Amino acid sequence: STFVWFQEEFEEYAEKAKTLPDSTSNENKLILYGLYKQATVGNVNTSRPGMFNMRDRAKWDAWKAVEGKSLDEAMSDYITKVKQLLEEAAASS
């Protein structure tokens, strides 16, 4: 099925995302995190971390921001975003 093929591409890009440079903005890292969680887990299933845990709270918010996206939509958006960031990284290096 298309979904299985898509999942393979998604996993491939999840690996490629690990090669993104440290200069990748936090905002972009959070977008990727949110899409990854949505694509692998689905909608947010935990409560929002407290305000003293800023890092986890930002990650939770990024995930919450894509709530309602279907798994394949989230995968597609994730792949597109990783491609874009890899191209930007290649252009700036």
N, C-alpha and C. Protein backbone atom coordinates (compact mmCIF):
# COMPACT_ATOMS: atom_id res chain seq x y z
N SER A 1 0.84 -1.21 0.00
CA SER A 1 0.00 0.00 0.00
C SER A 1 0.87 1.25 0.00
N THR A 2 0.24 2.33 -0.35
CA THR A 2 0.94 3.62 -0.38
C THR A 2 1.50 3.94 1.00
N PHE A 3 0.73 3.58 2.01
CA PHE A 3 1.12 3.93 3.38
C PHE A 3 2.45 3.29 3.77
N VAL A 4 2.62 2.01 3.41
CA VAL A 4 3.87 1.31 3.74
C VAL A 4 5.06 1.97 3.06
N TRP A 5 4.88 2.30 1.78
CA TRP A 5 5.95 2.98 1.04
C TRP A 5 6.27 4.32 1.70
N PHE A 6 5.21 4.99 2.10
CA PHE A 6 5.34 6.30 2.72
C PHE A 6 6.09 6.21 4.03
N GLN A 7 5.80 5.15 4.76
CA GLN A 7 6.43 4.97 6.06
C GLN A 7 7.94 4.75 5.90
N GLU A 8 8.31 4.02 4.84
CA GLU A 8 9.73 3.80 4.58
C GLU A 8 10.44 5.12 4.28
N GLU A 9 9.78 5.95 3.47
CA GLU A 9 10.36 7.24 3.14
C GLU A 9 10.46 8.11 4.40
N PHE A 10 9.42 8.04 5.21
CA PHE A 10 9.39 8.80 6.46
C PHE A 10 10.55 8.39 7.37
N GLU A 11 10.76 7.09 7.52
CA GLU A 11 11.85 6.60 8.37
C GLU A 11 13.21 7.02 7.83
N GLU A 12 13.32 7.02 6.50
CA GLU A 12 14.55 7.45 5.85
C GLU A 12 14.83 8.93 6.18
N TYR A 13 13.79 9.75 6.13
CA TYR A 13 13.97 11.17 6.43
C TYR A 13 14.15 11.44 7.92
N ALA A 14 13.61 10.56 8.74
CA ALA A 14 13.83 10.69 10.18
C ALA A 14 15.32 10.47 10.48
N GLU A 15 15.94 9.55 9.73
CA GLU A 15 17.39 9.33 9.86
C GLU A 15 18.16 10.54 9.34
N LYS A 16 17.74 11.05 8.18
CA LYS A 16 18.41 12.22 7.58
C LYS A 16 18.31 13.44 8.49
N ALA A 17 17.20 13.54 9.22
CA ALA A 17 17.01 14.68 10.12
C ALA A 17 18.10 14.74 11.18
N LYS A 18 18.65 13.57 11.53
CA LYS A 18 19.73 13.51 12.53
C LYS A 18 21.02 14.13 12.01
N THR A 19 21.11 14.30 10.69
CA THR A 19 22.33 14.86 10.11
C THR A 19 22.22 16.38 9.92
N LEU A 20 21.08 16.95 10.30
CA LEU A 20 20.92 18.41 10.15
C LEU A 20 21.95 19.12 11.02
N PRO A 21 22.47 20.25 10.54
CA PRO A 21 23.50 20.96 11.30
C PRO A 21 22.96 21.54 12.61
N ASP A 22 23.89 21.77 13.54
CA ASP A 22 23.53 22.36 14.84
C ASP A 22 22.92 23.75 14.67
N SER A 23 23.21 24.36 13.53
CA SER A 23 22.70 25.71 13.29
C SER A 23 21.21 25.73 12.95
N THR A 24 20.62 24.54 12.79
CA THR A 24 19.17 24.47 12.53
C THR A 24 18.45 25.16 13.68
N SER A 25 17.54 26.06 13.36
CA SER A 25 16.88 26.83 14.42
C SER A 25 16.03 25.95 15.32
N ASN A 26 15.91 26.38 16.55
CA ASN A 26 15.11 25.67 17.53
C ASN A 26 13.67 25.55 17.06
N GLU A 27 13.20 26.62 16.43
CA GLU A 27 11.83 26.64 15.91
C GLU A 27 11.61 25.50 14.91
N ASN A 28 12.58 25.34 14.00
CA ASN A 28 12.48 24.26 13.01
C ASN A 28 12.59 22.88 13.66
N LYS A 29 13.46 22.76 14.65
CA LYS A 29 13.59 21.49 15.36
C LYS A 29 12.27 21.13 16.05
N LEU A 30 11.61 22.14 16.60
CA LEU A 30 10.33 21.90 17.27
C LEU A 30 9.24 21.50 16.28
N ILE A 31 9.25 22.14 15.10
CA ILE A 31 8.27 21.78 14.06
C ILE A 31 8.46 20.30 13.68
N LEU A 32 9.72 19.91 13.49
CA LEU A 32 10.01 18.51 13.16
C LEU A 32 9.58 17.58 14.28
N TYR A 33 9.85 17.97 15.51
CA TYR A 33 9.47 17.15 16.65
C TYR A 33 7.96 16.93 16.68
N GLY A 34 7.21 18.01 16.53
CA GLY A 34 5.75 17.93 16.57
C GLY A 34 5.20 17.03 15.48
N LEU A 35 5.73 17.20 14.26
CA LEU A 35 5.27 16.38 13.13
C LEU A 35 5.66 14.92 13.33
N TYR A 36 6.85 14.70 13.87
CA TYR A 36 7.31 13.32 14.11
C TYR A 36 6.39 12.62 15.10
N LYS A 37 6.09 13.31 16.20
CA LYS A 37 5.21 12.72 17.21
C LYS A 37 3.81 12.47 16.64
N GLN A 38 3.31 13.41 15.87
CA GLN A 38 1.98 13.25 15.27
C GLN A 38 1.97 12.07 14.30
N ALA A 39 3.07 11.90 13.56
CA ALA A 39 3.16 10.83 12.56
C ALA A 39 3.35 9.46 13.21
N THR A 40 3.92 9.43 14.40
CA THR A 40 4.22 8.13 15.02
C THR A 40 3.26 7.78 16.15
N VAL A 41 2.75 8.78 16.85
CA VAL A 41 1.88 8.53 18.00
C VAL A 41 0.43 8.93 17.72
N GLY A 42 0.27 10.01 16.94
CA GLY A 42 -1.07 10.57 16.73
C GLY A 42 -1.22 11.81 17.60
N ASN A 43 -2.46 12.14 17.93
CA ASN A 43 -2.70 13.35 18.72
C ASN A 43 -2.05 13.29 20.10
N VAL A 44 -1.73 14.46 20.63
CA VAL A 44 -1.15 14.59 21.97
C VAL A 44 -1.93 13.72 22.95
N ASN A 45 -1.20 12.94 23.73
CA ASN A 45 -1.85 12.03 24.67
C ASN A 45 -1.31 12.20 26.09
N THR A 46 -0.65 13.34 26.31
CA THR A 46 -0.10 13.62 27.64
C THR A 46 -0.54 15.03 28.04
N SER A 47 -0.47 15.33 29.33
CA SER A 47 -0.83 16.68 29.75
C SER A 47 0.36 17.62 29.58
N ARG A 48 0.06 18.90 29.48
CA ARG A 48 1.11 19.89 29.21
C ARG A 48 2.06 20.00 30.39
N PRO A 49 3.38 19.91 30.13
CA PRO A 49 4.36 20.04 31.22
C PRO A 49 4.24 21.41 31.91
N GLY A 50 4.66 21.45 33.15
CA GLY A 50 4.58 22.69 33.92
C GLY A 50 5.51 23.76 33.41
N MET A 51 5.28 24.99 33.87
CA MET A 51 6.03 26.12 33.31
C MET A 51 7.51 26.12 33.69
N PHE A 52 7.90 25.27 34.64
CA PHE A 52 9.32 25.23 35.01
C PHE A 52 10.10 24.30 34.10
N ASN A 53 9.37 23.61 33.24
CA ASN A 53 10.02 22.70 32.31
C ASN A 53 9.83 23.25 30.89
N MET A 54 10.55 24.33 30.60
CA MET A 54 10.34 25.07 29.35
C MET A 54 10.60 24.23 28.10
N ARG A 55 11.63 23.40 28.17
CA ARG A 55 12.00 22.63 26.98
C ARG A 55 10.90 21.63 26.61
N ASP A 56 10.46 20.87 27.60
CA ASP A 56 9.42 19.88 27.33
C ASP A 56 8.10 20.55 26.99
N ARG A 57 7.87 21.70 27.58
CA ARG A 57 6.65 22.44 27.31
C ARG A 57 6.62 22.92 25.85
N ALA A 58 7.77 23.40 25.37
CA ALA A 58 7.88 23.86 23.97
C ALA A 58 7.65 22.68 23.02
N LYS A 59 8.21 21.52 23.38
CA LYS A 59 8.04 20.33 22.55
C LYS A 59 6.57 19.90 22.53
N TRP A 60 5.94 19.94 23.69
CA TRP A 60 4.52 19.58 23.80
C TRP A 60 3.67 20.52 22.95
N ASP A 61 3.97 21.82 23.04
CA ASP A 61 3.22 22.83 22.27
C ASP A 61 3.37 22.60 20.76
N ALA A 62 4.56 22.21 20.34
CA ALA A 62 4.81 21.96 18.91
C ALA A 62 3.99 20.76 18.43
N TRP A 63 3.86 19.78 19.30
CA TRP A 63 3.06 18.59 18.98
C TRP A 63 1.57 18.96 18.95
N LYS A 64 1.16 19.72 19.95
CA LYS A 64 -0.24 20.14 20.05
C LYS A 64 -0.65 20.98 18.83
N ALA A 65 0.30 21.73 18.28
CA ALA A 65 0.03 22.62 17.15
C ALA A 65 -0.39 21.85 15.89
N VAL A 66 -0.01 20.59 15.79
CA VAL A 66 -0.36 19.81 14.59
C VAL A 66 -1.44 18.76 14.90
N GLU A 67 -2.09 18.92 16.03
CA GLU A 67 -3.16 18.00 16.43
C GLU A 67 -4.22 17.91 15.33
N GLY A 68 -4.71 16.71 15.08
CA GLY A 68 -5.76 16.54 14.08
C GLY A 68 -5.23 16.15 12.71
N LYS A 69 -3.93 16.32 12.49
CA LYS A 69 -3.36 15.87 11.21
C LYS A 69 -3.38 14.34 11.18
N SER A 70 -3.72 13.78 10.02
CA SER A 70 -3.67 12.32 9.90
C SER A 70 -2.21 11.87 9.90
N LEU A 71 -1.98 10.59 10.16
CA LEU A 71 -0.61 10.07 10.19
C LEU A 71 0.12 10.33 8.89
N ASP A 72 -0.54 10.03 7.75
CA ASP A 72 0.18 10.22 6.49
C ASP A 72 0.37 11.69 6.14
N GLU A 73 -0.55 12.54 6.58
CA GLU A 73 -0.37 13.98 6.37
C GLU A 73 0.82 14.49 7.18
N ALA A 74 0.91 14.03 8.41
CA ALA A 74 2.04 14.42 9.28
C ALA A 74 3.35 13.90 8.71
N MET A 75 3.34 12.68 8.21
CA MET A 75 4.55 12.10 7.59
C MET A 75 4.97 12.93 6.39
N SER A 76 3.99 13.26 5.55
CA SER A 76 4.27 14.04 4.34
C SER A 76 4.85 15.40 4.69
N ASP A 77 4.25 16.08 5.67
CA ASP A 77 4.75 17.39 6.09
C ASP A 77 6.15 17.29 6.68
N TYR A 78 6.39 16.22 7.42
CA TYR A 78 7.70 15.99 8.04
C TYR A 78 8.76 15.82 6.95
N ILE A 79 8.47 14.97 5.97
CA ILE A 79 9.41 14.72 4.87
C ILE A 79 9.72 16.02 4.13
N THR A 80 8.67 16.79 3.83
CA THR A 80 8.83 18.07 3.13
C THR A 80 9.73 19.01 3.93
N LYS A 81 9.50 19.08 5.23
CA LYS A 81 10.26 19.98 6.10
C LYS A 81 11.73 19.56 6.18
N VAL A 82 11.99 18.27 6.33
CA VAL A 82 13.38 17.79 6.38
C VAL A 82 14.09 18.09 5.07
N LYS A 83 13.41 17.84 3.94
CA LYS A 83 14.00 18.14 2.62
C LYS A 83 14.39 19.61 2.54
N GLN A 84 13.47 20.47 2.96
CA GLN A 84 13.70 21.92 2.92
C GLN A 84 14.91 22.30 3.78
N LEU A 85 14.98 21.76 4.98
CA LEU A 85 16.09 22.10 5.88
C LEU A 85 17.42 21.56 5.38
N LEU A 86 17.40 20.38 4.77
CA LEU A 86 18.63 19.82 4.20
C LEU A 86 19.12 20.68 3.03
N GLU A 87 18.18 21.15 2.21
CA GLU A 87 18.56 22.02 1.09
C GLU A 87 19.14 23.33 1.58
N GLU A 88 18.52 23.90 2.61
CA GLU A 88 19.02 25.16 3.19
C GLU A 88 20.42 24.96 3.78
N ALA A 89 20.59 23.84 4.44
CA ALA A 89 21.90 23.55 5.05
C ALA A 89 22.97 23.38 3.98
N ALA A 90 22.62 22.72 2.88
CA ALA A 90 23.56 22.51 1.78
C ALA A 90 23.91 23.83 1.12
N ALA A 91 22.92 24.69 0.99
CA ALA A 91 23.13 25.99 0.34
C ALA A 91 24.02 26.91 1.18
N SER A 92 23.92 26.78 2.50
CA SER A 92 24.67 27.69 3.37
C SER A 92 26.05 27.17 3.74
N SER A 93 26.32 25.90 3.42
CA SER A 93 27.63 25.35 3.83
C SER A 93 28.71 25.65 2.78
